Amino acid sequence: MRGSQYKTTFLPKVKMEIVVSDTRVKKLVAAIIEVCRSGNVGDGKIFILPVSDAIRIRTKEKGEKAVK
């Protein structure tokens, strides 16, 4: 027999995308970790990315006004 056989178990995942102002990032990350951390494999990851701009289509508001 060639290769190996493995039994795999996939954990259900949820992807969330949240945009907040720079001043709220640390507080949000701390809250997510506090609520979601079980200490087990599969707790997830947090990726922090810059958002160059936001535009609310309905009103054409840009920047902070579009995020709120």
N, C-alpha and C. Protein backbone atom coordinates (compact mmCIF):
# COMPACT_ATOMS: atom_id res chain seq x y z
N MET A 1 0.85 -1.16 0.00
CA MET A 1 0.00 0.00 0.00
C MET A 1 0.90 1.23 0.00
N ARG A 2 0.59 2.20 -0.85
CA ARG A 2 1.37 3.44 -0.93
C ARG A 2 0.72 4.51 -0.06
N GLY A 3 1.56 5.37 0.52
CA GLY A 3 1.04 6.49 1.30
C GLY A 3 0.57 6.07 2.67
N SER A 4 -0.05 6.99 3.32
CA SER A 4 -0.57 6.75 4.67
C SER A 4 -2.01 7.19 4.75
N GLN A 5 -2.72 6.61 5.65
CA GLN A 5 -4.10 7.02 5.88
C GLN A 5 -4.17 7.75 7.21
N TYR A 6 -4.90 8.82 7.22
CA TYR A 6 -5.05 9.61 8.43
C TYR A 6 -6.53 9.85 8.69
N LYS A 7 -6.88 9.86 9.94
CA LYS A 7 -8.23 10.25 10.31
C LYS A 7 -8.17 11.73 10.70
N THR A 8 -8.98 12.54 10.06
CA THR A 8 -8.97 13.96 10.36
C THR A 8 -10.31 14.39 10.92
N THR A 9 -10.26 15.33 11.80
CA THR A 9 -11.47 15.91 12.38
C THR A 9 -11.37 17.42 12.19
N PHE A 10 -12.33 17.99 11.51
CA PHE A 10 -12.33 19.43 11.29
C PHE A 10 -13.23 20.11 12.31
N LEU A 11 -12.71 21.17 12.88
CA LEU A 11 -13.49 21.96 13.82
C LEU A 11 -14.27 23.02 13.06
N PRO A 12 -15.49 23.30 13.46
CA PRO A 12 -16.25 24.36 12.79
C PRO A 12 -15.56 25.70 13.02
N LYS A 13 -15.54 26.55 12.01
CA LYS A 13 -14.87 27.84 12.08
C LYS A 13 -15.85 28.96 11.76
N VAL A 14 -15.56 30.12 12.29
CA VAL A 14 -16.32 31.33 11.99
C VAL A 14 -15.31 32.40 11.62
N LYS A 15 -15.57 33.10 10.54
CA LYS A 15 -14.70 34.22 10.16
C LYS A 15 -15.45 35.52 10.42
N MET A 16 -14.82 36.39 11.19
CA MET A 16 -15.41 37.69 11.49
C MET A 16 -14.47 38.76 10.96
N GLU A 17 -15.04 39.77 10.36
CA GLU A 17 -14.26 40.92 9.93
C GLU A 17 -14.85 42.13 10.63
N ILE A 18 -14.03 42.79 11.44
CA ILE A 18 -14.49 43.92 12.24
C ILE A 18 -13.59 45.10 11.95
N VAL A 19 -14.18 46.26 11.70
CA VAL A 19 -13.40 47.47 11.48
C VAL A 19 -13.66 48.42 12.64
N VAL A 20 -12.59 48.82 13.30
CA VAL A 20 -12.68 49.78 14.40
C VAL A 20 -11.57 50.81 14.24
N SER A 21 -11.72 51.91 14.94
CA SER A 21 -10.68 52.94 14.90
C SER A 21 -9.43 52.42 15.61
N ASP A 22 -8.29 53.00 15.26
CA ASP A 22 -7.02 52.58 15.86
C ASP A 22 -7.04 52.65 17.38
N THR A 23 -7.77 53.58 17.93
CA THR A 23 -7.79 53.75 19.39
C THR A 23 -8.54 52.62 20.10
N ARG A 24 -9.33 51.84 19.37
CA ARG A 24 -10.13 50.77 19.98
C ARG A 24 -9.57 49.38 19.75
N VAL A 25 -8.51 49.26 18.96
CA VAL A 25 -8.00 47.93 18.58
C VAL A 25 -7.59 47.11 19.80
N LYS A 26 -6.75 47.68 20.68
CA LYS A 26 -6.25 46.92 21.83
C LYS A 26 -7.38 46.43 22.72
N LYS A 27 -8.37 47.29 22.96
CA LYS A 27 -9.49 46.91 23.82
C LYS A 27 -10.33 45.80 23.17
N LEU A 28 -10.54 45.89 21.86
CA LEU A 28 -11.31 44.87 21.16
C LEU A 28 -10.58 43.53 21.18
N VAL A 29 -9.28 43.55 20.91
CA VAL A 29 -8.49 42.31 20.92
C VAL A 29 -8.54 41.66 22.29
N ALA A 30 -8.38 42.46 23.34
CA ALA A 30 -8.43 41.93 24.70
C ALA A 30 -9.79 41.29 24.99
N ALA A 31 -10.86 41.93 24.54
CA ALA A 31 -12.21 41.40 24.77
C ALA A 31 -12.42 40.09 24.02
N ILE A 32 -11.97 40.03 22.78
CA ILE A 32 -12.12 38.79 22.00
C ILE A 32 -11.37 37.65 22.66
N ILE A 33 -10.13 37.91 23.07
CA ILE A 33 -9.33 36.87 23.71
C ILE A 33 -9.98 36.41 25.01
N GLU A 34 -10.48 37.34 25.80
CA GLU A 34 -11.10 37.00 27.08
C GLU A 34 -12.32 36.09 26.88
N VAL A 35 -13.13 36.39 25.88
CA VAL A 35 -14.37 35.64 25.66
C VAL A 35 -14.12 34.33 24.91
N CYS A 36 -13.20 34.33 23.96
CA CYS A 36 -13.05 33.19 23.05
C CYS A 36 -11.97 32.19 23.44
N ARG A 37 -11.07 32.53 24.33
CA ARG A 37 -9.94 31.66 24.64
C ARG A 37 -10.36 30.51 25.54
N SER A 38 -10.18 29.28 25.04
CA SER A 38 -10.45 28.10 25.85
C SER A 38 -9.14 27.41 26.26
N GLY A 39 -8.05 27.74 25.55
CA GLY A 39 -6.78 27.10 25.80
C GLY A 39 -6.59 25.83 25.00
N ASN A 40 -7.57 25.50 24.16
CA ASN A 40 -7.51 24.30 23.33
C ASN A 40 -7.15 24.65 21.90
N VAL A 41 -6.69 23.64 21.18
CA VAL A 41 -6.43 23.80 19.75
C VAL A 41 -7.73 24.24 19.09
N GLY A 42 -7.64 25.21 18.20
CA GLY A 42 -8.83 25.66 17.48
C GLY A 42 -9.42 26.94 18.03
N ASP A 43 -8.77 27.55 19.02
CA ASP A 43 -9.27 28.82 19.55
C ASP A 43 -9.28 29.91 18.48
N GLY A 44 -8.44 29.79 17.47
CA GLY A 44 -8.45 30.75 16.38
C GLY A 44 -7.29 31.70 16.42
N LYS A 45 -7.32 32.65 15.51
CA LYS A 45 -6.28 33.65 15.37
C LYS A 45 -6.92 35.00 15.14
N ILE A 46 -6.20 36.04 15.48
CA ILE A 46 -6.64 37.41 15.21
C ILE A 46 -5.60 38.03 14.29
N PHE A 47 -6.04 38.55 13.16
CA PHE A 47 -5.17 39.26 12.24
C PHE A 47 -5.57 40.73 12.27
N ILE A 48 -4.60 41.61 12.43
CA ILE A 48 -4.87 43.04 12.47
C ILE A 48 -4.28 43.66 11.21
N LEU A 49 -5.14 44.26 10.42
CA LEU A 49 -4.74 44.84 9.14
C LEU A 49 -5.15 46.31 9.08
N PRO A 50 -4.38 47.12 8.41
CA PRO A 50 -4.80 48.52 8.23
C PRO A 50 -5.91 48.62 7.19
N VAL A 51 -6.82 49.52 7.40
CA VAL A 51 -7.86 49.82 6.43
C VAL A 51 -7.58 51.24 5.93
N SER A 52 -7.34 51.38 4.66
CA SER A 52 -6.94 52.68 4.13
C SER A 52 -8.11 53.66 4.06
N ASP A 53 -9.32 53.17 3.86
CA ASP A 53 -10.47 54.06 3.82
C ASP A 53 -11.74 53.24 3.88
N ALA A 54 -12.84 53.89 4.18
CA ALA A 54 -14.16 53.26 4.18
C ALA A 54 -15.13 54.25 3.56
N ILE A 55 -16.07 53.75 2.79
CA ILE A 55 -17.06 54.61 2.15
C ILE A 55 -18.42 53.97 2.33
N ARG A 56 -19.36 54.73 2.90
CA ARG A 56 -20.74 54.26 3.02
C ARG A 56 -21.43 54.60 1.70
N ILE A 57 -21.85 53.60 0.98
CA ILE A 57 -22.40 53.79 -0.36
C ILE A 57 -23.64 54.68 -0.34
N ARG A 58 -24.54 54.43 0.60
CA ARG A 58 -25.82 55.17 0.62
C ARG A 58 -25.62 56.67 0.74
N THR A 59 -24.73 57.10 1.63
CA THR A 59 -24.57 58.54 1.91
C THR A 59 -23.28 59.13 1.35
N LYS A 60 -22.42 58.30 0.84
CA LYS A 60 -21.10 58.69 0.32
C LYS A 60 -20.17 59.20 1.42
N GLU A 61 -20.50 58.95 2.68
CA GLU A 61 -19.61 59.35 3.77
C GLU A 61 -18.32 58.56 3.69
N LYS A 62 -17.22 59.20 4.09
CA LYS A 62 -15.91 58.53 4.04
C LYS A 62 -15.26 58.55 5.42
N GLY A 63 -14.26 57.69 5.57
CA GLY A 63 -13.45 57.66 6.78
C GLY A 63 -14.23 57.24 8.01
N GLU A 64 -13.92 57.89 9.13
CA GLU A 64 -14.56 57.56 10.42
C GLU A 64 -16.08 57.63 10.37
N LYS A 65 -16.62 58.62 9.65
CA LYS A 65 -18.07 58.77 9.57
C LYS A 65 -18.72 57.55 8.92
N ALA A 66 -18.04 56.92 7.98
CA ALA A 66 -18.59 55.75 7.31
C ALA A 66 -18.54 54.52 8.18
N VAL A 67 -17.62 54.48 9.12
CA VAL A 67 -17.46 53.31 9.98
C VAL A 67 -18.48 53.31 11.12
N LYS A 68 -18.84 54.46 11.60
CA LYS A 68 -19.76 54.55 12.73
C LYS A 68 -21.18 54.25 12.35
